[in-house]
């Protein structure tokens, strides 16, 4: 499905809970969606192997209403 080696352009931004990396991957016609899913899966599996956690934002809601 991939017609030439991927090109990693590098990190485009770093946020509180994300690092964005830009890549160019040339694919056969109409195969880009399946290739994108596979690349994301491979990246996630590599992070898991290396024990790299993705810091998801967490929110705790506390209700201070008077209880009667």
PDB file of N, CA and C in Angstrom:
ATOM      1  N   UNK A   1       0.809  -1.198   0.000  1.00  0.00           N
ATOM      2  CA  UNK A   1       0.000   0.000   0.000  1.00  0.00           C
ATOM      3  C   UNK A   1       0.855   1.265   0.000  1.00  0.00           C
ATOM      4  N   UNK A   2       2.055   1.197   0.586  1.00  0.00           N
ATOM      5  CA  UNK A   2       2.962   2.341   0.623  1.00  0.00           C
ATOM      6  C   UNK A   2       3.877   2.248  -0.588  1.00  0.00           C
ATOM      7  N   UNK A   3       3.982   3.335  -1.354  1.00  0.00           N
ATOM      8  CA  UNK A   3       4.731   3.276  -2.613  1.00  0.00           C
ATOM      9  C   UNK A   3       6.157   3.816  -2.521  1.00  0.00           C
ATOM     10  N   UNK A   4       6.484   4.524  -1.453  1.00  0.00           N
ATOM     11  CA  UNK A   4       7.866   4.959  -1.238  1.00  0.00           C
ATOM     12  C   UNK A   4       8.085   5.149   0.257  1.00  0.00           C
ATOM     13  N   UNK A   5       9.326   5.141   0.703  1.00  0.00           N
ATOM     14  CA  UNK A   5       9.589   5.239   2.142  1.00  0.00           C
ATOM     15  C   UNK A   5       8.977   6.510   2.752  1.00  0.00           C
ATOM     16  N   UNK A   6       8.465   6.396   3.985  1.00  0.00           N
ATOM     17  CA  UNK A   6       7.905   7.572   4.665  1.00  0.00           C
ATOM     18  C   UNK A   6       8.981   8.631   4.916  1.00  0.00           C
ATOM     19  N   UNK A   7       8.556   9.876   4.918  1.00  0.00           N
ATOM     20  CA  UNK A   7       9.436  10.991   5.234  1.00  0.00           C
ATOM     21  C   UNK A   7       8.907  11.627   6.526  1.00  0.00           C
ATOM     22  N   UNK A   8       9.742  11.625   7.565  1.00  0.00           N
ATOM     23  CA  UNK A   8       9.361  12.258   8.826  1.00  0.00           C
ATOM     24  C   UNK A   8       9.915  13.678   8.795  1.00  0.00           C
ATOM     25  N   UNK A   9       9.000  14.656   8.796  1.00  0.00           N
ATOM     26  CA  UNK A   9       9.410  16.059   8.725  1.00  0.00           C
ATOM     27  C   UNK A   9       9.790  16.611  10.085  1.00  0.00           C
ATOM     28  N   UNK A  10       9.333  15.947  11.151  1.00  0.00           N
ATOM     29  CA  UNK A  10       9.726  16.355  12.490  1.00  0.00           C
ATOM     30  C   UNK A  10       8.557  16.755  13.362  1.00  0.00           C
ATOM     31  N   UNK A  11       8.887  17.223  14.554  1.00  0.00           N
ATOM     32  CA  UNK A  11       7.885  17.652  15.526  1.00  0.00           C
ATOM     33  C   UNK A  11       7.380  19.031  15.116  1.00  0.00           C
ATOM     34  N   UNK A  12       6.054  19.170  15.006  1.00  0.00           N
ATOM     35  CA  UNK A  12       5.475  20.458  14.620  1.00  0.00           C
ATOM     36  C   UNK A  12       4.965  21.238  15.813  1.00  0.00           C
ATOM     37  N   UNK A  13       4.630  20.559  16.920  1.00  0.00           N
ATOM     38  CA  UNK A  13       4.220  21.261  18.137  1.00  0.00           C
ATOM     39  C   UNK A  13       4.245  20.309  19.319  1.00  0.00           C
ATOM     40  N   UNK A  14       4.362  20.914  20.501  1.00  0.00           N
ATOM     41  CA  UNK A  14       4.333  20.161  21.748  1.00  0.00           C
ATOM     42  C   UNK A  14       3.329  20.854  22.658  1.00  0.00           C
ATOM     43  N   UNK A  15       2.368  20.089  23.182  1.00  0.00           N
ATOM     44  CA  UNK A  15       1.355  20.642  24.072  1.00  0.00           C
ATOM     45  C   UNK A  15       1.363  19.934  25.410  1.00  0.00           C
ATOM     46  N   UNK A  16       0.376  20.238  26.246  1.00  0.00           N
ATOM     47  CA  UNK A  16       0.278  19.621  27.567  1.00  0.00           C
ATOM     48  C   UNK A  16       0.117  18.117  27.494  1.00  0.00           C
ATOM     49  N   UNK A  17      -0.609  17.647  26.497  1.00  0.00           N
ATOM     50  CA  UNK A  17      -0.887  16.210  26.413  1.00  0.00           C
ATOM     51  C   UNK A  17      -0.706  15.689  24.990  1.00  0.00           C
ATOM     52  N   UNK A  18       0.204  16.302  24.239  1.00  0.00           N
ATOM     53  CA  UNK A  18       0.411  15.829  22.872  1.00  0.00           C
ATOM     54  C   UNK A  18       1.752  16.291  22.321  1.00  0.00           C
ATOM     55  N   UNK A  19       2.261  15.493  21.413  1.00  0.00           N
ATOM     56  CA  UNK A  19       3.398  15.870  20.588  1.00  0.00           C
ATOM     57  C   UNK A  19       2.969  15.564  19.162  1.00  0.00           C
ATOM     58  N   UNK A  20       2.957  16.575  18.314  1.00  0.00           N
ATOM     59  CA  UNK A  20       2.539  16.375  16.928  1.00  0.00           C
ATOM     60  C   UNK A  20       3.766  16.211  16.047  1.00  0.00           C
ATOM     61  N   UNK A  21       3.745  15.115  15.279  1.00  0.00           N
ATOM     62  CA  UNK A  21       4.840  14.801  14.361  1.00  0.00           C
ATOM     63  C   UNK A  21       4.259  14.772  12.953  1.00  0.00           C
ATOM     64  N   UNK A  22       4.904  15.467  12.046  1.00  0.00           N
ATOM     65  CA  UNK A  22       4.422  15.496  10.662  1.00  0.00           C
ATOM     66  C   UNK A  22       5.209  14.483   9.828  1.00  0.00           C
ATOM     67  N   UNK A  23       4.451  13.653   9.091  1.00  0.00           N
ATOM     68  CA  UNK A  23       5.043  12.648   8.205  1.00  0.00           C
ATOM     69  C   UNK A  23       4.375  12.734   6.844  1.00  0.00           C
ATOM     70  N   UNK A  24       5.109  12.358   5.829  1.00  0.00           N
ATOM     71  CA  UNK A  24       4.529  12.212   4.491  1.00  0.00           C
ATOM     72  C   UNK A  24       4.709  10.752   4.093  1.00  0.00           C
ATOM     73  N   UNK A  25       3.598  10.100   3.775  1.00  0.00           N
ATOM     74  CA  UNK A  25       3.641   8.706   3.330  1.00  0.00           C
ATOM     75  C   UNK A  25       2.826   8.607   2.041  1.00  0.00           C
ATOM     76  N   UNK A  26       3.479   8.307   0.975  1.00  0.00           N
ATOM     77  CA  UNK A  26       2.786   8.180  -0.315  1.00  0.00           C
ATOM     78  C   UNK A  26       2.227   6.764  -0.433  1.00  0.00           C
ATOM     79  N   UNK A  27       0.952   6.683  -0.795  1.00  0.00           N
ATOM     80  CA  UNK A  27       0.261   5.396  -0.851  1.00  0.00           C
ATOM     81  C   UNK A  27      -0.360   5.157  -2.218  1.00  0.00           C
ATOM     82  N   UNK A  28      -0.802   3.936  -2.408  1.00  0.00           N
ATOM     83  CA  UNK A  28      -1.610   3.635  -3.582  1.00  0.00           C
ATOM     84  C   UNK A  28      -2.922   4.416  -3.479  1.00  0.00           C
ATOM     85  N   UNK A  29      -3.576   4.659  -4.612  1.00  0.00           N
ATOM     86  CA  UNK A  29      -4.836   5.399  -4.569  1.00  0.00           C
ATOM     87  C   UNK A  29      -5.847   4.769  -3.610  1.00  0.00           C
ATOM     88  N   UNK A  30      -6.481   5.616  -2.808  1.00  0.00           N
ATOM     89  CA  UNK A  30      -7.540   5.254  -1.863  1.00  0.00           C
ATOM     90  C   UNK A  30      -7.087   4.328  -0.730  1.00  0.00           C
ATOM     91  N   UNK A  31      -5.790   4.217  -0.520  1.00  0.00           N
ATOM     92  CA  UNK A  31      -5.272   3.380   0.568  1.00  0.00           C
ATOM     93  C   UNK A  31      -4.757   4.217   1.735  1.00  0.00           C
ATOM     94  N   UNK A  32      -4.844   5.551   1.639  1.00  0.00           N
ATOM     95  CA  UNK A  32      -4.260   6.414   2.661  1.00  0.00           C
ATOM     96  C   UNK A  32      -4.915   6.247   4.026  1.00  0.00           C
ATOM     97  N   UNK A  33      -6.223   5.971   4.076  1.00  0.00           N
ATOM     98  CA  UNK A  33      -6.885   5.835   5.377  1.00  0.00           C
ATOM     99  C   UNK A  33      -6.414   4.584   6.110  1.00  0.00           C
ATOM    100  N   UNK A  34      -6.305   3.482   5.410  1.00  0.00           N
ATOM    101  CA  UNK A  34      -5.853   2.257   6.076  1.00  0.00           C
ATOM    102  C   UNK A  34      -4.376   2.356   6.474  1.00  0.00           C
ATOM    103  N   UNK A  35      -3.578   3.017   5.664  1.00  0.00           N
ATOM    104  CA  UNK A  35      -2.170   3.215   6.008  1.00  0.00           C
ATOM    105  C   UNK A  35      -2.054   4.116   7.239  1.00  0.00           C
ATOM    106  N   UNK A  36      -2.857   5.164   7.290  1.00  0.00           N
ATOM    107  CA  UNK A  36      -2.834   6.059   8.450  1.00  0.00           C
ATOM    108  C   UNK A  36      -3.174   5.303   9.735  1.00  0.00           C
ATOM    109  N   UNK A  37      -4.215   4.466   9.679  1.00  0.00           N
ATOM    110  CA  UNK A  37      -4.593   3.681  10.864  1.00  0.00           C
ATOM    111  C   UNK A  37      -3.468   2.743  11.285  1.00  0.00           C
ATOM    112  N   UNK A  38      -2.831   2.099  10.326  1.00  0.00           N
ATOM    113  CA  UNK A  38      -1.748   1.158  10.623  1.00  0.00           C
ATOM    114  C   UNK A  38      -0.541   1.884  11.224  1.00  0.00           C
ATOM    115  N   UNK A  39      -0.209   3.045  10.700  1.00  0.00           N
ATOM    116  CA  UNK A  39       0.923   3.814  11.230  1.00  0.00           C
ATOM    117  C   UNK A  39       0.644   4.230  12.674  1.00  0.00           C
ATOM    118  N   UNK A  40      -0.574   4.714  12.944  1.00  0.00           N
ATOM    119  CA  UNK A  40      -0.923   5.100  14.316  1.00  0.00           C
ATOM    120  C   UNK A  40      -0.846   3.900  15.259  1.00  0.00           C
ATOM    121  N   UNK A  41      -1.310   2.745  14.784  1.00  0.00           N
ATOM    122  CA  UNK A  41      -1.264   1.517  15.594  1.00  0.00           C
ATOM    123  C   UNK A  41       0.191   1.136  15.899  1.00  0.00           C
ATOM    124  N   UNK A  42       1.053   1.198  14.888  1.00  0.00           N
ATOM    125  CA  UNK A  42       2.455   0.851  15.084  1.00  0.00           C
ATOM    126  C   UNK A  42       3.146   1.823  16.048  1.00  0.00           C
ATOM    127  N   UNK A  43       2.813   3.104  15.954  1.00  0.00           N
ATOM    128  CA  UNK A  43       3.395   4.083  16.875  1.00  0.00           C
ATOM    129  C   UNK A  43       2.938   3.784  18.297  1.00  0.00           C
ATOM    130  N   UNK A  44       1.652   3.510  18.489  1.00  0.00           N
ATOM    131  CA  UNK A  44       1.121   3.200  19.822  1.00  0.00           C
ATOM    132  C   UNK A  44       1.782   1.940  20.385  1.00  0.00           C
ATOM    133  N   UNK A  45       1.937   0.915  19.569  1.00  0.00           N
ATOM    134  CA  UNK A  45       2.574  -0.321  20.021  1.00  0.00           C
ATOM    135  C   UNK A  45       4.041  -0.077  20.394  1.00  0.00           C
ATOM    136  N   UNK A  46       4.736   0.767  19.645  1.00  0.00           N
ATOM    137  CA  UNK A  46       6.127   1.097  19.965  1.00  0.00           C
ATOM    138  C   UNK A  46       6.192   1.841  21.297  1.00  0.00           C
ATOM    139  N   UNK A  47       5.254   2.789  21.518  1.00  0.00           N
ATOM    140  CA  UNK A  47       5.209   3.493  22.807  1.00  0.00           C
ATOM    141  C   UNK A  47       4.970   2.506  23.937  1.00  0.00           C
ATOM    142  N   UNK A  48       4.060   1.571  23.748  1.00  0.00           N
ATOM    143  CA  UNK A  48       3.760   0.577  24.787  1.00  0.00           C
ATOM    144  C   UNK A  48       4.992  -0.278  25.095  1.00  0.00           C
ATOM    145  N   UNK A  49       5.701  -0.726  24.058  1.00  0.00           N
ATOM    146  CA  UNK A  49       6.906  -1.531  24.261  1.00  0.00           C
ATOM    147  C   UNK A  49       7.956  -0.768  25.067  1.00  0.00           C
ATOM    148  N   UNK A  50       8.081   0.518  24.800  1.00  0.00           N
ATOM    149  CA  UNK A  50       9.086   1.348  25.465  1.00  0.00           C
ATOM    150  C   UNK A  50       8.573   1.971  26.755  1.00  0.00           C
ATOM    151  N   UNK A  51       7.330   1.608  27.123  1.00  0.00           N
ATOM    152  CA  UNK A  51       6.688   2.126  28.343  1.00  0.00           C
ATOM    153  C   UNK A  51       6.593   3.653  28.348  1.00  0.00           C
ATOM    154  N   UNK A  52       6.259   4.212  27.185  1.00  0.00           N
ATOM    155  CA  UNK A  52       6.027   5.646  27.046  1.00  0.00           C
ATOM    156  C   UNK A  52       4.531   5.873  27.182  1.00  0.00           C
ATOM    157  N   UNK A  53       4.145   6.631  28.200  1.00  0.00           N
ATOM    158  CA  UNK A  53       2.731   6.892  28.435  1.00  0.00           C
ATOM    159  C   UNK A  53       2.304   8.178  27.742  1.00  0.00           C
ATOM    160  N   UNK A  54       1.093   8.175  27.233  1.00  0.00           N
ATOM    161  CA  UNK A  54       0.512   9.379  26.646  1.00  0.00           C
ATOM    162  C   UNK A  54      -0.274  10.069  27.763  1.00  0.00           C
ATOM    163  N   UNK A  55       0.108  11.296  28.130  1.00  0.00           N
ATOM    164  CA  UNK A  55      -0.564  11.970  29.242  1.00  0.00           C
ATOM    165  C   UNK A  55      -1.906  12.572  28.812  1.00  0.00           C
ATOM    166  N   UNK A  56      -2.969  11.847  29.070  1.00  0.00           N
ATOM    167  CA  UNK A  56      -4.298  12.338  28.735  1.00  0.00           C
ATOM    168  C   UNK A  56      -4.729  13.371  29.771  1.00  0.00           C
ATOM    169  N   UNK A  57      -5.416  14.424  29.333  1.00  0.00           N
ATOM    170  CA  UNK A  57      -5.901  15.407  30.308  1.00  0.00           C
ATOM    171  C   UNK A  57      -6.916  14.767  31.260  1.00  0.00           C
ATOM    172  N   UNK A  58      -6.811  15.119  32.522  1.00  0.00           N
ATOM    173  CA  UNK A  58      -7.729  14.566  33.524  1.00  0.00           C
ATOM    174  C   UNK A  58      -8.436  15.712  34.211  1.00  0.00           C
ATOM    175  N   UNK A  59      -9.690  15.492  34.508  1.00  0.00           N
ATOM    176  CA  UNK A  59     -10.491  16.512  35.173  1.00  0.00           C
ATOM    177  C   UNK A  59     -11.238  15.875  36.333  1.00  0.00           C
ATOM    178  N   UNK A  60     -11.184  16.544  37.473  1.00  0.00           N
ATOM    179  CA  UNK A  60     -11.929  16.084  38.643  1.00  0.00           C
ATOM    180  C   UNK A  60     -12.957  17.156  38.966  1.00  0.00           C
ATOM    181  N   UNK A  61     -14.210  16.769  39.049  1.00  0.00           N
ATOM    182  CA  UNK A  61     -15.280  17.697  39.407  1.00  0.00           C
ATOM    183  C   UNK A  61     -15.692  17.448  40.850  1.00  0.00           C
ATOM    184  N   UNK A  62     -15.701  18.522  41.624  1.00  0.00           N
ATOM    185  CA  UNK A  62     -16.122  18.428  43.013  1.00  0.00           C
ATOM    186  C   UNK A  62     -17.373  19.282  43.170  1.00  0.00           C
ATOM    187  N   UNK A  63     -18.420  18.684  43.692  1.00  0.00           N
ATOM    188  CA  UNK A  63     -19.676  19.388  43.882  1.00  0.00           C
ATOM    189  C   UNK A  63     -19.739  19.897  45.325  1.00  0.00           C
ATOM    190  N   UNK A  64     -19.740  21.204  45.494  1.00  0.00           N
ATOM    191  CA  UNK A  64     -19.768  21.805  46.824  1.00  0.00           C
ATOM    192  C   UNK A  64     -21.163  22.260  47.242  1.00  0.00           C
ATOM    193  N   UNK A  65     -22.178  21.772  46.593  1.00  0.00           N
ATOM    194  CA  UNK A  65     -23.545  22.154  46.951  1.00  0.00           C
ATOM    195  C   UNK A  65     -23.867  21.678  48.354  1.00  0.00           C
ATOM    196  N   UNK A  66     -24.674  22.481  49.074  1.00  0.00           N
ATOM    197  CA  UNK A  66     -25.112  22.068  50.410  1.00  0.00           C
ATOM    198  C   UNK A  66     -26.011  20.852  50.293  1.00  0.00           C
ATOM    199  N   UNK A  67     -25.734  19.869  51.071  1.00  0.00           N
ATOM    200  CA  UNK A  67     -26.578  18.664  51.077  1.00  0.00           C
ATOM    201  C   UNK A  67     -27.532  18.759  52.261  1.00  0.00           C
ATOM    202  N   UNK A  68     -28.778  18.620  51.994  1.00  0.00           N
ATOM    203  CA  UNK A  68     -29.790  18.737  53.068  1.00  0.00           C
ATOM    204  C   UNK A  68     -30.329  17.400  53.464  1.00  0.00           C
TER     205      UNK A  68
END
